[in-house]
Protein backbone atom coordinates (compact mmCIF):
# COMPACT_ATOMS: atom_id res chain seq x y z
CA MET A 1 0.00 0.00 0.00
CA ILE A 2 1.37 3.36 -0.98
CA HIS A 3 0.55 7.07 -1.45
CA VAL A 4 -0.62 8.19 1.95
CA GLN A 5 -1.41 11.71 3.02
CA SER A 6 -2.39 12.90 6.50
CA ASP A 7 -2.63 10.80 9.65
CA HIS A 8 -5.34 8.27 8.82
CA THR A 9 -2.83 5.66 7.61
CA GLU A 10 -3.90 2.81 9.88
CA ILE A 11 -7.60 3.20 9.06
CA LEU A 12 -6.98 3.50 5.31
CA GLU A 13 -4.72 0.42 5.35
CA ARG A 14 -7.40 -1.57 7.16
CA ILE A 15 -10.08 -0.56 4.65
CA LEU A 16 -7.77 -1.34 1.72
CA SER A 17 -7.06 -4.78 3.20
CA ILE A 18 -10.67 -6.00 3.40
CA HIS A 19 -10.80 -7.04 -0.26
CA PRO A 20 -8.12 -7.57 -2.92
CA SER A 21 -10.25 -5.76 -5.53
CA ILE A 22 -10.09 -2.44 -3.66
CA ARG A 23 -7.72 -0.19 -5.61
CA PHE A 24 -7.96 3.11 -3.77
CA VAL A 25 -9.32 4.54 -0.53
CA GLY A 26 -9.44 8.21 0.36
CA ILE A 27 -11.15 10.89 2.40
CA ILE A 28 -12.38 14.09 0.76
CA ASP A 29 -13.82 17.25 2.21
CA LYS A 30 -17.19 18.75 1.17
CA ASP A 31 -15.56 20.45 -1.86
CA GLY A 32 -13.89 17.30 -3.12
CA TYR A 33 -10.35 18.04 -1.95
CA ILE A 34 -8.42 15.02 -0.77
CA ILE A 35 -7.60 14.89 2.96
CA SER A 36 -6.00 11.41 3.08
CA SER A 37 -5.55 8.74 0.45
CA MET A 38 -3.92 5.42 -0.27
CA ILE A 39 -3.62 3.39 -3.45
CA ARG A 40 -2.77 -0.30 -3.49
CA ARG A 41 0.93 -0.97 -4.10
CA GLY A 42 1.69 -1.74 -7.72
CA LEU A 43 -1.38 0.04 -9.07
CA ARG A 44 -1.68 3.44 -10.67
CA TYR A 45 -4.51 5.92 -11.08
CA LEU A 46 -6.64 5.09 -14.11
CA THR A 47 -6.80 8.75 -15.09
CA ARG A 48 -4.56 11.76 -14.69
CA GLU A 49 -7.68 13.72 -13.80
CA HIS A 50 -8.42 11.81 -10.59
CA GLU A 51 -8.87 15.07 -8.67
CA MET A 52 -11.90 15.79 -10.87
CA LEU A 53 -13.40 12.45 -9.82
CA TYR A 54 -13.16 13.54 -6.17
CA MET A 55 -14.97 16.78 -6.97
CA GLN A 56 -17.60 14.82 -8.91
CA ALA A 57 -18.24 12.67 -5.82
CA ALA A 58 -18.67 15.79 -3.67
CA ILE A 59 -21.12 17.31 -6.17
CA PHE A 60 -23.18 14.10 -6.39
CA ARG A 61 -23.35 13.95 -2.64
CA ARG A 62 -24.59 17.55 -2.37
CA ILE A 63 -27.30 16.84 -4.95
CA LEU A 64 -28.42 13.68 -3.15
CA ASN A 65 -28.48 15.50 0.20
CA MET A 66 -31.26 17.72 -1.19
CA PHE A 67 -33.61 14.77 -0.69
CA ASN A 68 -32.56 13.74 2.83
CA GLU A 69 -35.73 15.01 4.46
CA GLU A 70 -38.04 13.05 2.16
CA LEU A 71 -35.95 9.94 1.51
CA GLY A 72 -33.56 9.70 4.46
CA TYR A 73 -29.82 10.19 4.62
CA VAL A 74 -27.49 8.78 1.99
CA ARG A 75 -25.60 5.78 3.39
CA SER A 76 -23.53 5.18 0.28
CA LEU A 77 -23.37 5.99 -3.38
CA SER A 78 -21.87 3.76 -6.05
CA ILE A 79 -20.91 4.55 -9.61
CA VAL A 80 -20.31 1.65 -11.96
CA ARG A 81 -18.05 2.24 -14.95
CA GLU A 82 -16.58 -0.21 -17.44
CA LYS A 83 -13.13 -0.18 -15.81
CA VAL A 84 -13.85 0.67 -12.18
CA LYS A 85 -16.51 0.90 -9.49
CA MET A 86 -16.47 3.90 -7.18
CA PHE A 87 -18.13 4.14 -3.78
CA THR A 88 -18.82 7.20 -1.64
CA PHE A 89 -19.70 6.93 2.06
CA PRO A 90 -20.76 10.14 3.85
CA LEU A 91 -18.77 11.00 6.98
CA GLY A 92 -20.27 14.22 8.28
CA GLU A 93 -18.77 17.04 6.21
CA TYR A 94 -16.37 14.53 4.65
CA SER A 95 -16.71 11.46 2.45
CA LEU A 96 -14.88 8.16 2.28
CA LEU A 97 -14.11 7.24 -1.34
CA ILE A 98 -13.26 3.75 -2.49
CA SER A 99 -12.55 2.46 -5.98
CA THR A 100 -12.51 -1.22 -6.90
CA GLU A 101 -12.11 -3.47 -9.87
CA PRO A 102 -15.35 -3.57 -11.91
CA ASP A 103 -16.23 -7.21 -11.14
CA VAL A 104 -16.56 -6.74 -7.36
CA ASN A 105 -19.89 -7.32 -5.64
CA SER A 106 -21.05 -3.79 -4.72
CA GLU A 107 -23.32 -4.80 -1.87
CA GLU A 108 -20.66 -7.03 -0.32
CA ILE A 109 -18.07 -4.23 -0.38
CA SER A 110 -20.49 -1.66 1.05
CA ASN A 111 -21.55 -3.97 3.86
CA ARG A 112 -17.97 -4.91 4.72
CA ILE A 113 -16.94 -1.24 4.88
CA ILE A 114 -19.85 -0.14 7.05
CA ARG A 115 -19.30 -3.02 9.51
CA LEU A 116 -15.62 -2.23 10.10
CA PRO A 117 -14.75 -0.88 13.54
CA GLU A 118 -12.30 1.43 11.72
CA TYR A 119 -15.20 2.90 9.73
CA ALA A 120 -17.03 3.76 12.96
CA ARG A 121 -13.81 5.23 14.37
CA LEU A 122 -13.29 7.33 11.23
CA LEU A 123 -16.91 8.44 11.30
CA ASN A 124 -16.56 9.54 14.91
CA LEU A 125 -13.21 11.23 14.28
CA LEU A 126 -14.37 13.23 11.26
CA TYR A 127 -17.72 14.25 12.76
CA HIS A 128 -15.84 15.97 15.57
CA ILE A 129 -13.28 17.93 13.50
CA LYS A 130 -13.71 21.66 13.88
CA ASP A 131 -12.74 23.91 10.96
């Protein structure tokens, strides 16, 4: 595992280790700027414009949040592309982003992430950050 920013290394490593198809794990702020990230050793980003994908995730989340009152809060969002699946998990003002190989079972990955004690710890940690 390589390419770490910030001090969430242990949590990101644990999330990356739950399934061999997970390529990338990161935390973005509400504007889509990366706070922490990690990509699996030996892999590379599939696009040079990966920062735009983070911003896209933040925009999608804002749009979906418009319907929280009527439909409930967003637990996760997945985008399925030909070459990759991308997952977004809301964490207060932040989001956990995960990308996987395209053949992974989306529901299995989502359930495994949400059940991790590290996910709960990250959720608690990020909900209490003061800007």
